[in-house]
Amino acid sequence: RRLMKRKWNMNDPVSFSLEWDRYLNRGGYENLERERA
C-alpha cells in the first residue's frame, strides 16, 4: 500500500532495484530469496 507513496532512490536503475528488493523482501520473504540464491 505504501509503494506508490514512498520516496525511492532514483539515481540509477540498479540502486532503485536494490532498494525496491530490500523494502519488499523482509522477514520470511528475505529468507525465501536467500534460498533462491
ModelCIF file with pLDDT and N, C-alpha, C, O atoms, coordinates in Angstrom:
data_MODEL
#
_entry.id   MODEL 
#
_entity.id                         1 
_entity.type                       polymer 
_entity.pdbx_number_of_molecules   1 
#
_entity_poly.entity_id                      1 
_entity_poly.type                           'polypeptide(L)' 
_entity_poly.nstd_linkage                   no 
_entity_poly.nstd_monomer                   no 
_entity_poly.pdbx_seq_one_letter_code       RRLMKRKWNMNDPVSFSLEWDRYLNRGGYENLERERA 
_entity_poly.pdbx_seq_one_letter_code_can   RRLMKRKWNMNDPVSFSLEWDRYLNRGGYENLERERA 
_entity_poly.pdbx_strand_id                 A 
#
loop_
_entity_poly_seq.entity_id 
_entity_poly_seq.num 
_entity_poly_seq.mon_id 
_entity_poly_seq.hetero 
1 1  ARG n 
1 2  ARG n 
1 3  LEU n 
1 4  MET n 
1 5  LYS n 
1 6  ARG n 
1 7  LYS n 
1 8  TRP n 
1 9  ASN n 
1 10 MET n 
1 11 ASN n 
1 12 ASP n 
1 13 PRO n 
1 14 VAL n 
1 15 SER n 
1 16 PHE n 
1 17 SER n 
1 18 LEU n 
1 19 GLU n 
1 20 TRP n 
1 21 ASP n 
1 22 ARG n 
1 23 TYR n 
1 24 LEU n 
1 25 ASN n 
1 26 ARG n 
1 27 GLY n 
1 28 GLY n 
1 29 TYR n 
1 30 GLU n 
1 31 ASN n 
1 32 LEU n 
1 33 GLU n 
1 34 ARG n 
1 35 GLU n 
1 36 ARG n 
1 37 ALA n 
#
_struct_asym.id          A 
_struct_asym.entity_id   1 
#
loop_
_ma_qa_metric.id 
_ma_qa_metric.mode 
_ma_qa_metric.name 
_ma_qa_metric.software_group_id 
_ma_qa_metric.type 
1 global pLDDT . pLDDT 
2 local  pLDDT . pLDDT 
#
_ma_qa_metric_global.metric_id      1 
_ma_qa_metric_global.metric_value   93.46 
_ma_qa_metric_global.model_id       1 
_ma_qa_metric_global.ordinal_id     1 
#
loop_
_ma_qa_metric_local.label_asym_id 
_ma_qa_metric_local.label_comp_id 
_ma_qa_metric_local.label_seq_id 
_ma_qa_metric_local.metric_id 
_ma_qa_metric_local.metric_value 
_ma_qa_metric_local.model_id 
_ma_qa_metric_local.ordinal_id 
A ARG 1  2 88.00 1 1  
A ARG 2  2 88.00 1 2  
A LEU 3  2 88.00 1 3  
A MET 4  2 85.00 1 4  
A LYS 5  2 86.00 1 5  
A ARG 6  2 89.00 1 6  
A LYS 7  2 90.00 1 7  
A TRP 8  2 92.00 1 8  
A ASN 9  2 89.00 1 9  
A MET 10 2 92.00 1 10 
A ASN 11 2 92.00 1 11 
A ASP 12 2 95.00 1 12 
A PRO 13 2 96.00 1 13 
A VAL 14 2 96.00 1 14 
A SER 15 2 96.00 1 15 
A PHE 16 2 96.00 1 16 
A SER 17 2 96.00 1 17 
A LEU 18 2 96.00 1 18 
A GLU 19 2 96.00 1 19 
A TRP 20 2 96.00 1 20 
A ASP 21 2 96.00 1 21 
A ARG 22 2 95.00 1 22 
A TYR 23 2 95.00 1 23 
A LEU 24 2 94.00 1 24 
A ASN 25 2 94.00 1 25 
A ARG 26 2 93.00 1 26 
A GLY 27 2 94.00 1 27 
A GLY 28 2 95.00 1 28 
A TYR 29 2 94.00 1 29 
A GLU 30 2 95.00 1 30 
A ASN 31 2 95.00 1 31 
A LEU 32 2 95.00 1 32 
A GLU 33 2 96.00 1 33 
A ARG 34 2 96.00 1 34 
A GLU 35 2 96.00 1 35 
A ARG 36 2 96.00 1 36 
A ALA 37 2 97.00 1 37 
#
loop_
_atom_site.group_PDB 
_atom_site.id 
_atom_site.type_symbol 
_atom_site.label_atom_id 
_atom_site.label_alt_id 
_atom_site.label_comp_id 
_atom_site.label_asym_id 
_atom_site.label_entity_id 
_atom_site.label_seq_id 
_atom_site.pdbx_PDB_ins_code 
_atom_site.Cartn_x 
_atom_site.Cartn_y 
_atom_site.Cartn_z 
_atom_site.occupancy 
_atom_site.B_iso_or_equiv 
_atom_site.pdbx_formal_charge 
_atom_site.auth_seq_id 
_atom_site.auth_comp_id 
_atom_site.auth_asym_id 
_atom_site.auth_atom_id 
_atom_site.pdbx_PDB_model_num 
ATOM 1   N N  . ARG A 1 1  ? 0.823  -1.214  0.000   1.00 88.00 ? 1  ARG A N  1 
ATOM 2   C CA . ARG A 1 1  ? 0.000  0.000   0.000   1.00 88.00 ? 1  ARG A CA 1 
ATOM 3   C C  . ARG A 1 1  ? 0.858  1.266   0.000   1.00 88.00 ? 1  ARG A C  1 
ATOM 4   O O  . ARG A 1 1  ? 0.400  2.333   -0.409  1.00 88.00 ? 1  ARG A O  1 
ATOM 5   N N  . ARG A 1 2  ? 2.100  1.141   0.459   1.00 88.00 ? 2  ARG A N  1 
ATOM 6   C CA . ARG A 1 2  ? 2.962  2.317   0.573   1.00 88.00 ? 2  ARG A CA 1 
ATOM 7   C C  . ARG A 1 2  ? 3.914  2.477   -0.614  1.00 88.00 ? 2  ARG A C  1 
ATOM 8   O O  . ARG A 1 2  ? 4.678  3.441   -0.665  1.00 88.00 ? 2  ARG A O  1 
ATOM 9   N N  . LEU A 1 3  ? 3.876  1.549   -1.560  1.00 88.00 ? 3  LEU A N  1 
ATOM 10  C CA . LEU A 1 3  ? 4.848  1.554   -2.653  1.00 88.00 ? 3  LEU A CA 1 
ATOM 11  C C  . LEU A 1 3  ? 4.796  2.842   -3.468  1.00 88.00 ? 3  LEU A C  1 
ATOM 12  O O  . LEU A 1 3  ? 5.837  3.397   -3.820  1.00 88.00 ? 3  LEU A O  1 
ATOM 13  N N  . MET A 1 4  ? 3.586  3.321   -3.771  1.00 85.00 ? 4  MET A N  1 
ATOM 14  C CA . MET A 1 4  ? 3.459  4.497   -4.620  1.00 85.00 ? 4  MET A CA 1 
ATOM 15  C C  . MET A 1 4  ? 3.660  5.807   -3.856  1.00 85.00 ? 4  MET A C  1 
ATOM 16  O O  . MET A 1 4  ? 3.784  6.874   -4.457  1.00 85.00 ? 4  MET A O  1 
ATOM 17  N N  . LYS A 1 5  ? 3.692  5.713   -2.533  1.00 86.00 ? 5  LYS A N  1 
ATOM 18  C CA . LYS A 1 5  ? 3.881  6.920   -1.718  1.00 86.00 ? 5  LYS A CA 1 
ATOM 19  C C  . LYS A 1 5  ? 5.320  7.080   -1.249  1.00 86.00 ? 5  LYS A C  1 
ATOM 20  O O  . LYS A 1 5  ? 5.733  8.171   -0.858  1.00 86.00 ? 5  LYS A O  1 
ATOM 21  N N  . ARG A 1 6  ? 6.076  5.999   -1.288  1.00 89.00 ? 6  ARG A N  1 
ATOM 22  C CA . ARG A 1 6  ? 7.435  6.015   -0.768  1.00 89.00 ? 6  ARG A CA 1 
ATOM 23  C C  . ARG A 1 6  ? 8.371  6.795   -1.693  1.00 89.00 ? 6  ARG A C  1 
ATOM 24  O O  . ARG A 1 6  ? 8.210  6.776   -2.913  1.00 89.00 ? 6  ARG A O  1 
ATOM 25  N N  . LYS A 1 7  ? 9.342  7.474   -1.103  1.00 90.00 ? 7  LYS A N  1 
ATOM 26  C CA . LYS A 1 7  ? 10.367 8.170   -1.882  1.00 90.00 ? 7  LYS A CA 1 
ATOM 27  C C  . LYS A 1 7  ? 11.512 7.213   -2.131  1.00 90.00 ? 7  LYS A C  1 
ATOM 28  O O  . LYS A 1 7  ? 12.161 6.749   -1.193  1.00 90.00 ? 7  LYS A O  1 
ATOM 29  N N  . TRP A 1 8  ? 11.764 6.913   -3.415  1.00 92.00 ? 8  TRP A N  1 
ATOM 30  C CA . TRP A 1 8  ? 12.758 5.907   -3.790  1.00 92.00 ? 8  TRP A CA 1 
ATOM 31  C C  . TRP A 1 8  ? 14.061 6.549   -4.241  1.00 92.00 ? 8  TRP A C  1 
ATOM 32  O O  . TRP A 1 8  ? 14.101 7.714   -4.634  1.00 92.00 ? 8  TRP A O  1 
ATOM 33  N N  . ASN A 1 9  ? 15.119 5.761   -4.173  1.00 89.00 ? 9  ASN A N  1 
ATOM 34  C CA . ASN A 1 9  ? 16.416 6.172   -4.721  1.00 89.00 ? 9  ASN A CA 1 
ATOM 35  C C  . ASN A 1 9  ? 16.338 6.044   -6.240  1.00 89.00 ? 9  ASN A C  1 
ATOM 36  O O  . ASN A 1 9  ? 16.390 4.938   -6.780  1.00 89.00 ? 9  ASN A O  1 
ATOM 37  N N  . MET A 1 10 ? 16.213 7.179   -6.925  1.00 92.00 ? 10 MET A N  1 
ATOM 38  C CA . MET A 1 10 ? 16.063 7.160   -8.375  1.00 92.00 ? 10 MET A CA 1 
ATOM 39  C C  . MET A 1 10 ? 17.337 7.625   -9.082  1.00 92.00 ? 10 MET A C  1 
ATOM 40  O O  . MET A 1 10 ? 17.275 8.129   -10.203 1.00 92.00 ? 10 MET A O  1 
ATOM 41  N N  . ASN A 1 11 ? 18.491 7.458   -8.429  1.00 92.00 ? 11 ASN A N  1 
ATOM 42  C CA . ASN A 1 11 ? 19.755 7.871   -9.038  1.00 92.00 ? 11 ASN A CA 1 
ATOM 43  C C  . ASN A 1 11 ? 20.080 7.051   -10.279 1.00 92.00 ? 11 ASN A C  1 
ATOM 44  O O  . ASN A 1 11 ? 20.588 7.583   -11.266 1.00 92.00 ? 11 ASN A O  1 
ATOM 45  N N  . ASP A 1 12 ? 19.789 5.763   -10.228 1.00 95.00 ? 12 ASP A N  1 
ATOM 46  C CA . ASP A 1 12 ? 20.062 4.879   -11.351 1.00 95.00 ? 12 ASP A CA 1 
ATOM 47  C C  . ASP A 1 12 ? 19.205 3.625   -11.177 1.00 95.00 ? 12 ASP A C  1 
ATOM 48  O O  . ASP A 1 12 ? 18.741 3.362   -10.068 1.00 95.00 ? 12 ASP A O  1 
ATOM 49  N N  . PRO A 1 13 ? 18.982 2.845   -12.233 1.00 96.00 ? 13 PRO A N  1 
ATOM 50  C CA . PRO A 1 13 ? 18.091 1.693   -12.147 1.00 96.00 ? 13 PRO A CA 1 
ATOM 51  C C  . PRO A 1 13 ? 18.567 0.598   -11.204 1.00 96.00 ? 13 PRO A C  1 
ATOM 52  O O  . PRO A 1 13 ? 17.742 -0.081  -10.592 1.00 96.00 ? 13 PRO A O  1 
ATOM 53  N N  . VAL A 1 14 ? 19.869 0.411   -11.072 1.00 96.00 ? 14 VAL A N  1 
ATOM 54  C CA . VAL A 1 14 ? 20.381 -0.626  -10.175 1.00 96.00 ? 14 VAL A CA 1 
ATOM 55  C C  . VAL A 1 14 ? 20.095 -0.254  -8.726  1.00 96.00 ? 14 VAL A C  1 
ATOM 56  O O  . VAL A 1 14 ? 19.613 -1.083  -7.954  1.00 96.00 ? 14 VAL A O  1 
ATOM 57  N N  . SER A 1 15 ? 20.389 0.989   -8.353  1.00 96.00 ? 15 SER A N  1 
ATOM 58  C CA . SER A 1 15 ? 20.130 1.438   -6.980  1.00 96.00 ? 15 SER A CA 1 
ATOM 59  C C  . SER A 1 15 ? 18.650 1.330   -6.641  1.00 96.00 ? 15 SER A C  1 
ATOM 60  O O  . SER A 1 15 ? 18.288 0.907   -5.544  1.00 96.00 ? 15 SER A O  1 
ATOM 61  N N  . PHE A 1 16 ? 17.799 1.713   -7.583  1.00 96.00 ? 16 PHE A N  1 
ATOM 62  C CA . PHE A 1 16 ? 16.367 1.611   -7.347  1.00 96.00 ? 16 PHE A CA 1 
ATOM 63  C C  . PHE A 1 16 ? 15.944 0.151   -7.167  1.00 96.00 ? 16 PHE A C  1 
ATOM 64  O O  . PHE A 1 16 ? 15.205 -0.168  -6.236  1.00 96.00 ? 16 PHE A O  1 
ATOM 65  N N  . SER A 1 17 ? 16.403 -0.727  -8.043  1.00 96.00 ? 17 SER A N  1 
ATOM 66  C CA . SER A 1 17 ? 16.014 -2.139  -7.972  1.00 96.00 ? 17 SER A CA 1 
ATOM 67  C C  . SER A 1 17 ? 16.445 -2.777  -6.660  1.00 96.00 ? 17 SER A C  1 
ATOM 68  O O  . SER A 1 17 ? 15.701 -3.567  -6.079  1.00 96.00 ? 17 SER A O  1 
ATOM 69  N N  . LEU A 1 18 ? 17.642 -2.441  -6.190  1.00 96.00 ? 18 LEU A N  1 
ATOM 70  C CA . LEU A 1 18 ? 18.136 -3.000  -4.936  1.00 96.00 ? 18 LEU A CA 1 
ATOM 71  C C  . LEU A 1 18 ? 17.322 -2.483  -3.754  1.00 96.00 ? 18 LEU A C  1 
ATOM 72  O O  . LEU A 1 18 ? 17.019 -3.243  -2.834  1.00 96.00 ? 18 LEU A O  1 
ATOM 73  N N  . GLU A 1 19 ? 16.966 -1.202  -3.768  1.00 96.00 ? 19 GLU A N  1 
ATOM 74  C CA . GLU A 1 19 ? 16.173 -0.642  -2.681  1.00 96.00 ? 19 GLU A CA 1 
ATOM 75  C C  . GLU A 1 19 ? 14.755 -1.234  -2.688  1.00 96.00 ? 19 GLU A C  1 
ATOM 76  O O  . GLU A 1 19 ? 14.208 -1.557  -1.633  1.00 96.00 ? 19 GLU A O  1 
ATOM 77  N N  . TRP A 1 20 ? 14.176 -1.371  -3.863  1.00 96.00 ? 20 TRP A N  1 
ATOM 78  C CA . TRP A 1 20 ? 12.846 -1.979  -4.012  1.00 96.00 ? 20 TRP A CA 1 
ATOM 79  C C  . TRP A 1 20 ? 12.853 -3.388  -3.426  1.00 96.00 ? 20 TRP A C  1 
ATOM 80  O O  . TRP A 1 20 ? 11.938 -3.776  -2.700  1.00 96.00 ? 20 TRP A O  1 
ATOM 81  N N  . ASP A 1 21 ? 13.893 -4.143  -3.749  1.00 96.00 ? 21 ASP A N  1 
ATOM 82  C CA . ASP A 1 21 ? 14.012 -5.516  -3.271  1.00 96.00 ? 21 ASP A CA 1 
ATOM 83  C C  . ASP A 1 21 ? 14.150 -5.562  -1.745  1.00 96.00 ? 21 ASP A C  1 
ATOM 84  O O  . ASP A 1 21 ? 13.501 -6.375  -1.086  1.00 96.00 ? 21 ASP A O  1 
ATOM 85  N N  . ARG A 1 22 ? 14.991 -4.693  -1.189  1.00 95.00 ? 22 ARG A N  1 
ATOM 86  C CA . ARG A 1 22 ? 15.184 -4.668  0.263   1.00 95.00 ? 22 ARG A CA 1 
ATOM 87  C C  . ARG A 1 22 ? 13.899 -4.295  0.995   1.00 95.00 ? 22 ARG A C  1 
ATOM 88  O O  . ARG A 1 22 ? 13.615 -4.819  2.072   1.00 95.00 ? 22 ARG A O  1 
ATOM 89  N N  . TYR A 1 23 ? 13.128 -3.388  0.405   1.00 95.00 ? 23 TYR A N  1 
ATOM 90  C CA . TYR A 1 23 ? 11.901 -2.933  1.044   1.00 95.00 ? 23 TYR A CA 1 
ATOM 91  C C  . TYR A 1 23 ? 10.829 -4.029  1.059   1.00 95.00 ? 23 TYR A C  1 
ATOM 92  O O  . TYR A 1 23 ? 10.144 -4.215  2.065   1.00 95.00 ? 23 TYR A O  1 
ATOM 93  N N  . LEU A 1 24 ? 10.688 -4.739  -0.037  1.00 94.00 ? 24 LEU A N  1 
ATOM 94  C CA . LEU A 1 24 ? 9.626  -5.745  -0.143  1.00 94.00 ? 24 LEU A CA 1 
ATOM 95  C C  . LEU A 1 24 ? 9.990  -7.068  0.521   1.00 94.00 ? 24 LEU A C  1 
ATOM 96  O O  . LEU A 1 24 ? 9.150  -7.695  1.168   1.00 94.00 ? 24 LEU A O  1 
ATOM 97  N N  . ASN A 1 25 ? 11.226 -7.486  0.363   1.00 94.00 ? 25 ASN A N  1 
ATOM 98  C CA . ASN A 1 25 ? 11.616 -8.817  0.824   1.00 94.00 ? 25 ASN A CA 1 
ATOM 99  C C  . ASN A 1 25 ? 12.230 -8.760  2.226   1.00 94.00 ? 25 ASN A C  1 
ATOM 100 O O  . ASN A 1 25 ? 13.448 -8.759  2.399   1.00 94.00 ? 25 ASN A O  1 
ATOM 101 N N  . ARG A 1 26 ? 11.345 -8.712  3.208   1.00 93.00 ? 26 ARG A N  1 
ATOM 102 C CA . ARG A 1 26 ? 11.741 -8.718  4.610   1.00 93.00 ? 26 ARG A CA 1 
ATOM 103 C C  . ARG A 1 26 ? 11.203 -9.964  5.294   1.00 93.00 ? 26 ARG A C  1 
ATOM 104 O O  . ARG A 1 26 ? 10.304 -10.632 4.784   1.00 93.00 ? 26 ARG A O  1 
ATOM 105 N N  . GLY A 1 27 ? 11.770 -10.268 6.460   1.00 94.00 ? 27 GLY A N  1 
ATOM 106 C CA . GLY A 1 27 ? 11.279 -11.407 7.230   1.00 94.00 ? 27 GLY A CA 1 
ATOM 107 C C  . GLY A 1 27 ? 11.386 -12.712 6.459   1.00 94.00 ? 27 GLY A C  1 
ATOM 108 O O  . GLY A 1 27 ? 12.450 -13.065 5.952   1.00 94.00 ? 27 GLY A O  1 
ATOM 109 N N  . GLY A 1 28 ? 10.272 -13.420 6.379   1.00 95.00 ? 28 GLY A N  1 
ATOM 110 C CA . GLY A 1 28 ? 10.260 -14.695 5.674   1.00 95.00 ? 28 GLY A CA 1 
ATOM 111 C C  . GLY A 1 28 ? 10.565 -14.559 4.200   1.00 95.00 ? 28 GLY A C  1 
ATOM 112 O O  . GLY A 1 28 ? 11.143 -15.466 3.602   1.00 95.00 ? 28 GLY A O  1 
ATOM 113 N N  . TYR A 1 29 ? 10.187 -13.438 3.602   1.00 94.00 ? 29 TYR A N  1 
ATOM 114 C CA . TYR A 1 29 ? 10.462 -13.235 2.179   1.00 94.00 ? 29 TYR A CA 1 
ATOM 115 C C  . TYR A 1 29 ? 11.960 -13.073 1.921   1.00 94.00 ? 29 TYR A C  1 
ATOM 116 O O  . TYR A 1 29 ? 12.464 -13.490 0.878   1.00 94.00 ? 29 TYR A O  1 
ATOM 117 N N  . GLU A 1 30 ? 12.662 -12.469 2.871   1.00 95.00 ? 30 GLU A N  1 
ATOM 118 C CA . GLU A 1 30 ? 14.117 -12.375 2.751   1.00 95.00 ? 30 GLU A CA 1 
ATOM 119 C C  . GLU A 1 30 ? 14.740 -13.767 2.806   1.00 95.00 ? 30 GLU A C  1 
ATOM 120 O O  . GLU A 1 30 ? 15.672 -14.068 2.061   1.00 95.00 ? 30 GLU A O  1 
ATOM 121 N N  . ASN A 1 31 ? 14.217 -14.613 3.694   1.00 95.00 ? 31 ASN A N  1 
ATOM 122 C CA . ASN A 1 31 ? 14.698 -15.995 3.778   1.00 95.00 ? 31 ASN A CA 1 
ATOM 123 C C  . ASN A 1 31 ? 14.429 -16.740 2.476   1.00 95.00 ? 31 ASN A C  1 
ATOM 124 O O  . ASN A 1 31 ? 15.266 -17.512 2.008   1.00 95.00 ? 31 ASN A O  1 
ATOM 125 N N  . LEU A 1 32 ? 13.263 -16.505 1.899   1.00 95.00 ? 32 LEU A N  1 
ATOM 126 C CA . LEU A 1 32 ? 12.897 -17.155 0.650   1.00 95.00 ? 32 LEU A CA 1 
ATOM 127 C C  . LEU A 1 32 ? 13.864 -16.772 -0.469  1.00 95.00 ? 32 LEU A C  1 
ATOM 128 O O  . LEU A 1 32 ? 14.307 -17.633 -1.230  1.00 95.00 ? 32 LEU A O  1 
ATOM 129 N N  . GLU A 1 33 ? 14.190 -15.489 -0.571  1.00 96.00 ? 33 GLU A N  1 
ATOM 130 C CA . GLU A 1 33 ? 15.124 -15.040 -1.602  1.00 96.00 ? 33 GLU A CA 1 
ATOM 131 C C  . GLU A 1 33 ? 16.527 -15.570 -1.348  1.00 96.00 ? 33 GLU A C  1 
ATOM 132 O O  . GLU A 1 33 ? 17.280 -15.823 -2.289  1.00 96.00 ? 33 GLU A O  1 
ATOM 133 N N  . ARG A 1 34 ? 16.879 -15.737 -0.081  1.00 96.00 ? 34 ARG A N  1 
ATOM 134 C CA . ARG A 1 34 ? 18.176 -16.321 0.254   1.00 96.00 ? 34 ARG A CA 1 
ATOM 135 C C  . ARG A 1 34 ? 18.250 -17.778 -0.221  1.00 96.00 ? 34 ARG A C  1 
ATOM 136 O O  . ARG A 1 34 ? 19.283 -18.232 -0.712  1.00 96.00 ? 34 ARG A O  1 
ATOM 137 N N  . GLU A 1 35 ? 17.138 -18.495 -0.063  1.00 96.00 ? 35 GLU A N  1 
ATOM 138 C CA . GLU A 1 35 ? 17.082 -19.877 -0.543  1.00 96.00 ? 35 GLU A CA 1 
ATOM 139 C C  . GLU A 1 35 ? 17.193 -19.930 -2.064  1.00 96.00 ? 35 GLU A C  1 
ATOM 140 O O  . GLU A 1 35 ? 17.821 -20.834 -2.615  1.00 96.00 ? 35 GLU A O  1 
ATOM 141 N N  . ARG A 1 36 ? 16.583 -18.962 -2.737  1.00 96.00 ? 36 ARG A N  1 
ATOM 142 C CA . ARG A 1 36 ? 16.705 -18.891 -4.199  1.00 96.00 ? 36 ARG A CA 1 
ATOM 143 C C  . ARG A 1 36 ? 18.166 -18.706 -4.597  1.00 96.00 ? 36 ARG A C  1 
ATOM 144 O O  . ARG A 1 36 ? 18.659 -19.378 -5.503  1.00 96.00 ? 36 ARG A O  1 
ATOM 145 N N  . ALA A 1 37 ? 18.850 -17.797 -3.919  1.00 97.00 ? 37 ALA A N  1 
ATOM 146 C CA . ALA A 1 37 ? 20.255 -17.535 -4.245  1.00 97.00 ? 37 ALA A CA 1 
ATOM 147 C C  . ALA A 1 37 ? 21.104 -18.786 -4.028  1.00 97.00 ? 37 ALA A C  1 
ATOM 148 O O  . ALA A 1 37 ? 22.314 -18.757 -4.250  1.00 97.00 ? 37 ALA A O  1 
#
